[in-house]
């Protein structure tokens, strides 16, 4: 049975990651930088799969505006304290 990975990256965020990834990938190839190439490849993969391991570890989600809601909830908690 296949497990489906739950997406935690929204559509707009995914397109931004893919665009940034291709930019970093081309810069890495032009400057012969392995780090930029790897980082660009990771961003492209995150955009295509719509899953970000860092967001997963932080318990965040950018699907349907929930990321902004989480940030606003955090700000309200800080103001109340």
C-alpha atoms as a PDB file:
ATOM      1  CA  UNK A   1       0.000   0.000   0.000  1.00  0.00           C
ATOM      2  CA  UNK A   2       1.367   3.397  -0.981  1.00  0.00           C
ATOM      3  CA  UNK A   3       1.610   6.128   1.603  1.00  0.00           C
ATOM      4  CA  UNK A   4       0.674   9.570   0.364  1.00  0.00           C
ATOM      5  CA  UNK A   5       2.907  12.385   1.579  1.00  0.00           C
ATOM      6  CA  UNK A   6       0.806  15.176   3.020  1.00  0.00           C
ATOM      7  CA  UNK A   7       1.514  18.457   1.241  1.00  0.00           C
ATOM      8  CA  UNK A   8       2.520  21.410   3.385  1.00  0.00           C
ATOM      9  CA  UNK A   9       3.378  23.902   0.625  1.00  0.00           C
ATOM     10  CA  UNK A  10       0.690  25.988  -1.049  1.00  0.00           C
ATOM     11  CA  UNK A  11       0.373  26.579  -4.807  1.00  0.00           C
ATOM     12  CA  UNK A  12       1.858  30.094  -4.816  1.00  0.00           C
ATOM     13  CA  UNK A  13       4.649  28.993  -2.479  1.00  0.00           C
ATOM     14  CA  UNK A  14       5.358  26.007  -4.763  1.00  0.00           C
ATOM     15  CA  UNK A  15       5.639  28.213  -7.859  1.00  0.00           C
ATOM     16  CA  UNK A  16       7.972  30.582  -5.982  1.00  0.00           C
ATOM     17  CA  UNK A  17      10.150  27.654  -4.877  1.00  0.00           C
ATOM     18  CA  UNK A  18      10.338  26.292  -8.437  1.00  0.00           C
ATOM     19  CA  UNK A  19      11.231  29.725  -9.849  1.00  0.00           C
ATOM     20  CA  UNK A  20      13.852  30.344  -7.160  1.00  0.00           C
ATOM     21  CA  UNK A  21      15.151  26.798  -7.629  1.00  0.00           C
ATOM     22  CA  UNK A  22      15.717  27.225 -11.362  1.00  0.00           C
ATOM     23  CA  UNK A  23      17.420  30.575 -10.716  1.00  0.00           C
ATOM     24  CA  UNK A  24      19.751  29.043  -8.124  1.00  0.00           C
ATOM     25  CA  UNK A  25      20.356  26.024 -10.346  1.00  0.00           C
ATOM     26  CA  UNK A  26      21.403  28.165 -13.305  1.00  0.00           C
ATOM     27  CA  UNK A  27      23.578  30.414 -11.113  1.00  0.00           C
ATOM     28  CA  UNK A  28      25.220  27.330  -9.616  1.00  0.00           C
ATOM     29  CA  UNK A  29      25.957  25.933 -13.057  1.00  0.00           C
ATOM     30  CA  UNK A  30      27.315  29.237 -14.330  1.00  0.00           C
ATOM     31  CA  UNK A  31      29.553  29.852 -11.292  1.00  0.00           C
ATOM     32  CA  UNK A  32      30.439  26.152 -10.965  1.00  0.00           C
ATOM     33  CA  UNK A  33      29.117  26.152  -7.395  1.00  0.00           C
ATOM     34  CA  UNK A  34      27.989  22.804  -6.073  1.00  0.00           C
ATOM     35  CA  UNK A  35      26.147  24.349  -3.129  1.00  0.00           C
ATOM     36  CA  UNK A  36      23.975  26.596  -5.287  1.00  0.00           C
ATOM     37  CA  UNK A  37      23.231  23.712  -7.639  1.00  0.00           C
ATOM     38  CA  UNK A  38      22.177  21.427  -4.789  1.00  0.00           C
ATOM     39  CA  UNK A  39      20.106  24.151  -3.101  1.00  0.00           C
ATOM     40  CA  UNK A  40      18.379  24.947  -6.396  1.00  0.00           C
ATOM     41  CA  UNK A  41      17.636  21.270  -6.990  1.00  0.00           C
ATOM     42  CA  UNK A  42      16.155  20.943  -3.494  1.00  0.00           C
ATOM     43  CA  UNK A  43      13.901  23.976  -4.012  1.00  0.00           C
ATOM     44  CA  UNK A  44      12.679  22.589  -7.341  1.00  0.00           C
ATOM     45  CA  UNK A  45      11.918  19.227  -5.708  1.00  0.00           C
ATOM     46  CA  UNK A  46      10.055  20.935  -2.849  1.00  0.00           C
ATOM     47  CA  UNK A  47       7.984  22.912  -5.324  1.00  0.00           C
ATOM     48  CA  UNK A  48       7.097  19.884  -7.439  1.00  0.00           C
ATOM     49  CA  UNK A  49       6.221  17.600  -4.521  1.00  0.00           C
ATOM     50  CA  UNK A  50       4.710  20.467  -2.502  1.00  0.00           C
ATOM     51  CA  UNK A  51       6.412  19.114   0.622  1.00  0.00           C
ATOM     52  CA  UNK A  52       9.045  20.969   2.640  1.00  0.00           C
ATOM     53  CA  UNK A  53      10.845  19.011   5.381  1.00  0.00           C
ATOM     54  CA  UNK A  54      11.746  22.207   7.279  1.00  0.00           C
ATOM     55  CA  UNK A  55       8.099  23.316   7.441  1.00  0.00           C
ATOM     56  CA  UNK A  56       7.211  19.783   8.532  1.00  0.00           C
ATOM     57  CA  UNK A  57       9.747  19.883  11.383  1.00  0.00           C
ATOM     58  CA  UNK A  58       8.481  23.309  12.481  1.00  0.00           C
ATOM     59  CA  UNK A  59       4.868  22.160  12.305  1.00  0.00           C
ATOM     60  CA  UNK A  60       4.030  24.878   9.778  1.00  0.00           C
ATOM     61  CA  UNK A  61       1.901  24.770   6.652  1.00  0.00           C
ATOM     62  CA  UNK A  62       1.512  27.240   3.775  1.00  0.00           C
ATOM     63  CA  UNK A  63      -1.520  25.573   2.183  1.00  0.00           C
ATOM     64  CA  UNK A  64      -4.605  27.812   1.867  1.00  0.00           C
ATOM     65  CA  UNK A  65      -3.228  30.648   3.980  1.00  0.00           C
ATOM     66  CA  UNK A  66      -2.783  28.590   7.142  1.00  0.00           C
ATOM     67  CA  UNK A  67       0.844  29.757   7.389  1.00  0.00           C
ATOM     68  CA  UNK A  68      -0.270  33.386   7.703  1.00  0.00           C
ATOM     69  CA  UNK A  69      -2.921  32.369  10.226  1.00  0.00           C
ATOM     70  CA  UNK A  70      -0.286  30.558  12.318  1.00  0.00           C
ATOM     71  CA  UNK A  71       1.942  33.635  12.289  1.00  0.00           C
ATOM     72  CA  UNK A  72      -0.936  35.917  13.313  1.00  0.00           C
ATOM     73  CA  UNK A  73      -1.875  33.516  16.142  1.00  0.00           C
ATOM     74  CA  UNK A  74       1.746  33.564  17.358  1.00  0.00           C
ATOM     75  CA  UNK A  75       1.804  37.379  17.276  1.00  0.00           C
ATOM     76  CA  UNK A  76      -1.461  37.572  19.217  1.00  0.00           C
ATOM     77  CA  UNK A  77      -0.078  35.186  21.855  1.00  0.00           C
ATOM     78  CA  UNK A  78       3.042  37.334  22.280  1.00  0.00           C
ATOM     79  CA  UNK A  79       0.953  40.505  22.592  1.00  0.00           C
ATOM     80  CA  UNK A  80      -1.323  38.898  25.202  1.00  0.00           C
ATOM     81  CA  UNK A  81       1.632  37.734  27.326  1.00  0.00           C
END
